[in-house]
N, C-alpha and C. Protein backbone atom coordinates (compact mmCIF):
# COMPACT_ATOMS: atom_id res chain seq x y z
N UNK A 1 -5.98 -12.46 6.93
CA UNK A 1 -6.09 -11.45 5.88
C UNK A 1 -5.22 -10.27 6.27
N UNK A 2 -5.42 -9.13 5.66
CA UNK A 2 -4.59 -7.97 5.93
C UNK A 2 -5.09 -7.20 7.14
N UNK A 3 -4.37 -6.16 7.47
CA UNK A 3 -4.72 -5.34 8.62
C UNK A 3 -6.07 -4.66 8.42
N UNK A 4 -6.58 -4.17 9.54
CA UNK A 4 -7.86 -3.47 9.47
C UNK A 4 -7.74 -2.21 8.62
N UNK A 5 -8.86 -1.79 8.10
CA UNK A 5 -8.94 -0.57 7.30
C UNK A 5 -9.41 0.54 8.23
N UNK A 6 -8.61 1.59 8.35
CA UNK A 6 -8.95 2.72 9.21
C UNK A 6 -9.57 3.82 8.37
N UNK A 7 -10.80 4.18 8.75
CA UNK A 7 -11.51 5.23 8.02
C UNK A 7 -12.52 5.87 8.95
N UNK A 8 -12.64 7.17 8.86
CA UNK A 8 -13.60 7.94 9.66
C UNK A 8 -13.45 7.66 11.16
N UNK A 9 -12.22 7.45 11.60
CA UNK A 9 -11.96 7.27 13.01
C UNK A 9 -12.26 5.89 13.56
N UNK A 10 -12.54 4.93 12.69
CA UNK A 10 -12.78 3.56 13.16
C UNK A 10 -11.94 2.58 12.34
N UNK A 11 -11.68 1.43 12.93
CA UNK A 11 -10.98 0.37 12.22
C UNK A 11 -11.98 -0.72 11.88
N UNK A 12 -11.94 -1.18 10.65
CA UNK A 12 -12.87 -2.21 10.20
C UNK A 12 -12.06 -3.34 9.57
N UNK A 13 -12.35 -4.56 9.96
CA UNK A 13 -11.69 -5.71 9.36
C UNK A 13 -12.08 -5.78 7.88
N UNK A 14 -11.13 -6.01 7.00
CA UNK A 14 -11.45 -6.11 5.57
C UNK A 14 -12.54 -7.12 5.27
N UNK A 15 -12.56 -8.23 6.02
CA UNK A 15 -13.57 -9.27 5.80
C UNK A 15 -14.98 -8.75 6.01
N UNK A 16 -15.13 -7.82 6.97
CA UNK A 16 -16.45 -7.24 7.24
C UNK A 16 -16.91 -6.44 6.03
N UNK A 17 -16.04 -5.61 5.49
CA UNK A 17 -16.39 -4.81 4.32
C UNK A 17 -16.62 -5.70 3.10
N UNK A 18 -15.79 -6.72 2.96
CA UNK A 18 -15.94 -7.63 1.82
C UNK A 18 -17.28 -8.34 1.86
N UNK A 19 -17.71 -8.77 3.04
CA UNK A 19 -19.00 -9.45 3.18
C UNK A 19 -20.15 -8.50 2.87
N UNK A 20 -20.08 -7.29 3.41
CA UNK A 20 -21.10 -6.28 3.17
C UNK A 20 -21.24 -5.99 1.68
N UNK A 21 -20.13 -5.80 1.01
CA UNK A 21 -20.13 -5.47 -0.41
C UNK A 21 -20.61 -6.65 -1.25
N UNK A 22 -20.12 -7.84 -0.95
CA UNK A 22 -20.53 -9.03 -1.71
C UNK A 22 -22.03 -9.23 -1.62
N UNK A 23 -22.60 -9.08 -0.43
CA UNK A 23 -24.05 -9.27 -0.27
C UNK A 23 -24.82 -8.24 -1.08
N UNK A 24 -24.36 -7.01 -1.11
CA UNK A 24 -25.04 -5.96 -1.88
C UNK A 24 -24.97 -6.27 -3.38
N UNK A 25 -23.82 -6.70 -3.85
CA UNK A 25 -23.63 -6.98 -5.28
C UNK A 25 -24.45 -8.19 -5.70
N UNK A 26 -24.56 -9.20 -4.85
CA UNK A 26 -25.33 -10.39 -5.19
C UNK A 26 -26.80 -10.08 -5.43
N UNK A 27 -27.29 -8.98 -4.89
CA UNK A 27 -28.69 -8.58 -5.06
C UNK A 27 -28.96 -7.88 -6.40
N UNK A 28 -27.92 -7.53 -7.14
CA UNK A 28 -28.08 -6.83 -8.42
C UNK A 28 -28.55 -7.83 -9.47
N UNK A 29 -29.63 -7.50 -10.16
CA UNK A 29 -30.14 -8.37 -11.23
C UNK A 29 -29.08 -8.51 -12.31
N UNK A 30 -28.80 -9.75 -12.69
CA UNK A 30 -27.81 -10.01 -13.72
C UNK A 30 -26.50 -10.54 -13.17
N UNK A 31 -26.28 -10.40 -11.87
CA UNK A 31 -25.07 -10.93 -11.25
C UNK A 31 -25.33 -12.38 -10.84
N UNK A 32 -24.55 -13.29 -11.39
CA UNK A 32 -24.69 -14.71 -11.06
C UNK A 32 -23.97 -15.03 -9.76
N UNK A 33 -22.78 -14.47 -9.58
CA UNK A 33 -22.03 -14.68 -8.35
C UNK A 33 -20.95 -13.62 -8.21
N UNK A 34 -20.52 -13.44 -6.99
CA UNK A 34 -19.39 -12.56 -6.70
C UNK A 34 -18.19 -13.46 -6.55
N UNK A 35 -17.16 -13.21 -7.33
CA UNK A 35 -16.01 -14.10 -7.34
C UNK A 35 -16.34 -15.35 -8.12
N UNK A 36 -15.56 -16.40 -7.92
CA UNK A 36 -15.80 -17.65 -8.65
C UNK A 36 -16.18 -18.75 -7.67
N UNK A 37 -17.35 -18.61 -7.07
CA UNK A 37 -17.84 -19.62 -6.15
C UNK A 37 -18.68 -20.65 -6.87
N UNK A 38 -18.79 -20.51 -8.17
CA UNK A 38 -19.60 -21.42 -8.97
C UNK A 38 -18.91 -22.78 -9.07
N UNK A 39 -19.55 -23.79 -8.56
CA UNK A 39 -18.98 -25.13 -8.54
C UNK A 39 -18.64 -25.62 -9.95
N UNK A 40 -19.52 -25.36 -10.90
CA UNK A 40 -19.28 -25.81 -12.27
C UNK A 40 -18.04 -25.14 -12.86
N UNK A 41 -17.90 -23.84 -12.64
CA UNK A 41 -16.74 -23.12 -13.16
C UNK A 41 -15.46 -23.62 -12.51
N UNK A 42 -15.51 -23.89 -11.21
CA UNK A 42 -14.33 -24.41 -10.53
C UNK A 42 -13.97 -25.80 -11.02
N UNK A 43 -14.98 -26.62 -11.30
CA UNK A 43 -14.74 -27.96 -11.79
C UNK A 43 -14.13 -27.93 -13.19
N UNK A 44 -14.64 -27.05 -14.05
CA UNK A 44 -14.10 -26.92 -15.40
C UNK A 44 -12.64 -26.48 -15.34
N UNK A 45 -12.33 -25.54 -14.46
CA UNK A 45 -10.95 -25.08 -14.36
C UNK A 45 -10.03 -26.18 -13.84
N UNK A 46 -10.55 -27.07 -12.99
CA UNK A 46 -9.74 -28.17 -12.48
C UNK A 46 -9.47 -29.19 -13.57
N UNK A 47 -10.41 -29.38 -14.48
CA UNK A 47 -10.28 -30.40 -15.52
C UNK A 47 -9.65 -29.88 -16.80
N UNK A 48 -9.39 -28.60 -16.86
CA UNK A 48 -8.80 -28.02 -18.06
C UNK A 48 -7.51 -27.31 -17.70
N UNK A 49 -6.90 -26.73 -18.69
CA UNK A 49 -5.66 -26.00 -18.47
C UNK A 49 -5.93 -24.61 -17.87
N UNK A 50 -7.18 -24.21 -17.88
CA UNK A 50 -7.54 -22.89 -17.37
C UNK A 50 -7.37 -22.85 -15.85
N UNK A 51 -6.63 -21.88 -15.39
CA UNK A 51 -6.40 -21.73 -13.96
C UNK A 51 -7.53 -20.93 -13.33
N UNK A 52 -8.01 -21.36 -12.15
CA UNK A 52 -9.02 -20.56 -11.47
C UNK A 52 -8.40 -19.24 -11.01
N UNK A 53 -9.21 -18.23 -10.94
CA UNK A 53 -8.74 -16.92 -10.51
C UNK A 53 -8.30 -16.99 -9.06
N UNK A 54 -7.11 -16.47 -8.80
CA UNK A 54 -6.62 -16.40 -7.43
C UNK A 54 -6.85 -15.02 -6.83
N UNK A 55 -7.43 -14.16 -7.61
CA UNK A 55 -7.72 -12.81 -7.14
C UNK A 55 -8.89 -12.86 -6.16
N UNK A 56 -8.85 -12.03 -5.12
CA UNK A 56 -9.99 -11.99 -4.20
C UNK A 56 -11.24 -11.45 -4.90
N UNK A 57 -12.39 -11.93 -4.47
CA UNK A 57 -13.65 -11.49 -5.08
C UNK A 57 -13.89 -10.01 -4.83
N UNK A 58 -13.51 -9.53 -3.65
CA UNK A 58 -13.70 -8.11 -3.30
C UNK A 58 -12.42 -7.61 -2.67
N UNK A 59 -11.95 -6.47 -3.14
CA UNK A 59 -10.79 -5.81 -2.55
C UNK A 59 -11.23 -4.42 -2.11
N UNK A 60 -10.82 -4.01 -0.92
CA UNK A 60 -11.22 -2.72 -0.38
C UNK A 60 -9.99 -2.03 0.20
N UNK A 61 -9.86 -0.74 -0.08
CA UNK A 61 -8.80 0.06 0.53
C UNK A 61 -9.35 1.45 0.83
N UNK A 62 -8.70 2.12 1.77
CA UNK A 62 -9.10 3.48 2.13
C UNK A 62 -8.27 4.46 1.33
N UNK A 63 -8.94 5.50 0.85
CA UNK A 63 -8.26 6.58 0.16
C UNK A 63 -8.79 7.87 0.78
N UNK A 64 -8.03 8.41 1.72
CA UNK A 64 -8.53 9.57 2.47
C UNK A 64 -9.68 9.13 3.35
N UNK A 65 -10.80 9.80 3.21
CA UNK A 65 -11.99 9.47 4.01
C UNK A 65 -13.03 8.69 3.21
N UNK A 66 -12.60 8.08 2.10
CA UNK A 66 -13.50 7.27 1.28
C UNK A 66 -12.86 5.92 1.00
N UNK A 67 -13.68 5.00 0.54
CA UNK A 67 -13.20 3.67 0.21
C UNK A 67 -13.08 3.48 -1.30
N UNK A 68 -12.11 2.70 -1.69
CA UNK A 68 -11.95 2.26 -3.08
C UNK A 68 -12.24 0.77 -3.09
N UNK A 69 -13.02 0.34 -4.06
CA UNK A 69 -13.46 -1.06 -4.11
C UNK A 69 -13.20 -1.64 -5.50
N UNK A 70 -12.78 -2.89 -5.51
CA UNK A 70 -12.71 -3.68 -6.75
C UNK A 70 -13.50 -4.94 -6.48
N UNK A 71 -14.46 -5.24 -7.35
CA UNK A 71 -15.30 -6.42 -7.16
C UNK A 71 -15.31 -7.24 -8.45
N UNK A 72 -15.11 -8.53 -8.29
CA UNK A 72 -15.09 -9.46 -9.42
C UNK A 72 -16.41 -10.23 -9.43
N UNK A 73 -17.05 -10.27 -10.60
CA UNK A 73 -18.36 -10.90 -10.69
C UNK A 73 -18.44 -11.83 -11.89
N UNK A 74 -19.35 -12.79 -11.78
CA UNK A 74 -19.78 -13.60 -12.92
C UNK A 74 -21.20 -13.15 -13.21
N UNK A 75 -21.50 -12.90 -14.48
CA UNK A 75 -22.80 -12.34 -14.83
C UNK A 75 -23.58 -13.27 -15.75
N UNK A 76 -24.89 -13.07 -15.76
CA UNK A 76 -25.76 -13.82 -16.65
C UNK A 76 -25.74 -13.20 -18.05
N UNK A 77 -25.78 -14.04 -19.06
CA UNK A 77 -25.89 -13.59 -20.44
C UNK A 77 -27.19 -12.80 -20.62
N UNK A 78 -27.13 -11.75 -21.41
CA UNK A 78 -28.32 -10.97 -21.73
C UNK A 78 -28.39 -9.63 -21.02
N UNK A 79 -27.48 -9.39 -20.10
CA UNK A 79 -27.44 -8.10 -19.40
C UNK A 79 -26.29 -7.28 -19.97
N UNK A 80 -26.58 -6.04 -20.30
CA UNK A 80 -25.55 -5.16 -20.85
C UNK A 80 -24.50 -4.86 -19.79
N UNK A 81 -23.25 -5.05 -20.13
CA UNK A 81 -22.17 -4.91 -19.16
C UNK A 81 -22.09 -3.51 -18.56
N UNK A 82 -22.24 -2.47 -19.39
CA UNK A 82 -22.15 -1.10 -18.87
C UNK A 82 -23.24 -0.82 -17.85
N UNK A 83 -24.45 -1.23 -18.16
CA UNK A 83 -25.57 -1.00 -17.25
C UNK A 83 -25.41 -1.82 -15.97
N UNK A 84 -24.98 -3.04 -16.12
CA UNK A 84 -24.77 -3.92 -14.97
C UNK A 84 -23.68 -3.35 -14.05
N UNK A 85 -22.58 -2.90 -14.63
CA UNK A 85 -21.50 -2.31 -13.84
C UNK A 85 -21.98 -1.06 -13.10
N UNK A 86 -22.80 -0.27 -13.77
CA UNK A 86 -23.35 0.93 -13.13
C UNK A 86 -24.23 0.57 -11.94
N UNK A 87 -25.04 -0.47 -12.09
CA UNK A 87 -25.90 -0.91 -10.99
C UNK A 87 -25.08 -1.50 -9.84
N UNK A 88 -23.99 -2.19 -10.16
CA UNK A 88 -23.11 -2.73 -9.13
C UNK A 88 -22.46 -1.58 -8.36
N UNK A 89 -21.99 -0.57 -9.08
CA UNK A 89 -21.38 0.59 -8.42
C UNK A 89 -22.37 1.26 -7.47
N UNK A 90 -23.60 1.44 -7.93
CA UNK A 90 -24.63 2.08 -7.10
C UNK A 90 -24.94 1.23 -5.86
N UNK A 91 -25.03 -0.08 -6.03
CA UNK A 91 -25.33 -0.97 -4.91
C UNK A 91 -24.21 -0.92 -3.87
N UNK A 92 -22.97 -0.91 -4.32
CA UNK A 92 -21.83 -0.85 -3.40
C UNK A 92 -21.84 0.47 -2.64
N UNK A 93 -21.99 1.57 -3.35
CA UNK A 93 -21.98 2.89 -2.71
C UNK A 93 -23.11 3.01 -1.69
N UNK A 94 -24.28 2.52 -2.04
CA UNK A 94 -25.43 2.60 -1.14
C UNK A 94 -25.22 1.75 0.11
N UNK A 95 -24.74 0.52 -0.07
CA UNK A 95 -24.53 -0.38 1.07
C UNK A 95 -23.46 0.15 2.02
N UNK A 96 -22.37 0.66 1.47
CA UNK A 96 -21.29 1.19 2.30
C UNK A 96 -21.76 2.43 3.05
N UNK A 97 -22.47 3.31 2.36
CA UNK A 97 -22.98 4.52 3.01
C UNK A 97 -23.97 4.16 4.13
N UNK A 98 -24.86 3.23 3.86
CA UNK A 98 -25.89 2.86 4.84
C UNK A 98 -25.29 2.17 6.06
N UNK A 99 -24.31 1.31 5.87
CA UNK A 99 -23.77 0.53 6.98
C UNK A 99 -22.58 1.19 7.66
N UNK A 100 -21.68 1.78 6.87
CA UNK A 100 -20.44 2.32 7.42
C UNK A 100 -20.52 3.83 7.61
N UNK A 101 -21.27 4.49 6.72
CA UNK A 101 -21.41 5.94 6.83
C UNK A 101 -20.29 6.71 6.16
N UNK A 102 -19.61 6.09 5.21
CA UNK A 102 -18.57 6.79 4.46
C UNK A 102 -18.86 6.66 2.97
N UNK A 103 -18.23 7.51 2.19
CA UNK A 103 -18.41 7.48 0.75
C UNK A 103 -17.48 6.49 0.08
N UNK A 104 -17.78 6.22 -1.17
CA UNK A 104 -16.96 5.34 -1.99
C UNK A 104 -16.46 6.16 -3.17
N UNK A 105 -15.14 6.29 -3.28
CA UNK A 105 -14.59 7.13 -4.34
C UNK A 105 -14.58 6.43 -5.69
N UNK A 106 -14.42 5.11 -5.69
CA UNK A 106 -14.46 4.37 -6.95
C UNK A 106 -14.83 2.92 -6.71
N UNK A 107 -15.48 2.34 -7.71
CA UNK A 107 -15.80 0.91 -7.69
C UNK A 107 -15.41 0.37 -9.07
N UNK A 108 -14.36 -0.42 -9.08
CA UNK A 108 -13.95 -1.09 -10.31
C UNK A 108 -14.66 -2.43 -10.37
N UNK A 109 -15.36 -2.67 -11.47
CA UNK A 109 -16.09 -3.91 -11.66
C UNK A 109 -15.35 -4.74 -12.69
N UNK A 110 -14.99 -5.96 -12.31
CA UNK A 110 -14.29 -6.88 -13.20
C UNK A 110 -15.23 -8.04 -13.49
N UNK A 111 -15.56 -8.24 -14.74
CA UNK A 111 -16.43 -9.34 -15.14
C UNK A 111 -15.53 -10.52 -15.48
N UNK A 112 -15.55 -11.52 -14.60
CA UNK A 112 -14.67 -12.68 -14.74
C UNK A 112 -15.31 -13.85 -15.47
N UNK A 113 -16.63 -13.84 -15.58
CA UNK A 113 -17.28 -14.97 -16.21
C UNK A 113 -18.67 -14.62 -16.70
N UNK A 114 -19.16 -15.45 -17.60
CA UNK A 114 -20.48 -15.25 -18.20
C UNK A 114 -21.22 -16.58 -18.14
N UNK A 115 -22.44 -16.54 -17.62
CA UNK A 115 -23.27 -17.74 -17.50
C UNK A 115 -24.37 -17.68 -18.56
N UNK A 116 -24.47 -18.74 -19.35
CA UNK A 116 -25.51 -18.83 -20.37
C UNK A 116 -26.66 -19.65 -19.85
N UNK A 117 -27.89 -19.31 -20.29
CA UNK A 117 -29.04 -20.09 -19.83
C UNK A 117 -28.98 -21.50 -20.41
N UNK A 118 -29.53 -22.46 -19.67
CA UNK A 118 -29.60 -23.83 -20.18
C UNK A 118 -30.70 -23.90 -21.23
N UNK A 119 -30.42 -24.65 -22.27
CA UNK A 119 -31.41 -24.73 -23.35
C UNK A 119 -32.17 -26.01 -23.30
């Protein structure tokens, strides 16, 4: 992966931050998965013309003494996107503050997929 992220006088491997953030986001009600780890979605993309996303599920960069985060999620049908994104932002900020001790200047939430309940 890329070089370590230097913030608040320490260097942190991006994978460490990505894991921390993904785990926090997975706990948010309404989030089906972080990134496209859904076997069914991957299988559909393999059998159709639709290309699977090559974007990383979580991207993190330092901006001054704070972190900027972009997280891609698949969500369950029935949850309002604005409210869900707000809860994801709060979960990321809380997890980063609790574990790393730095602030998060922004969290961009990208909704890559929607899961419908089985009928």
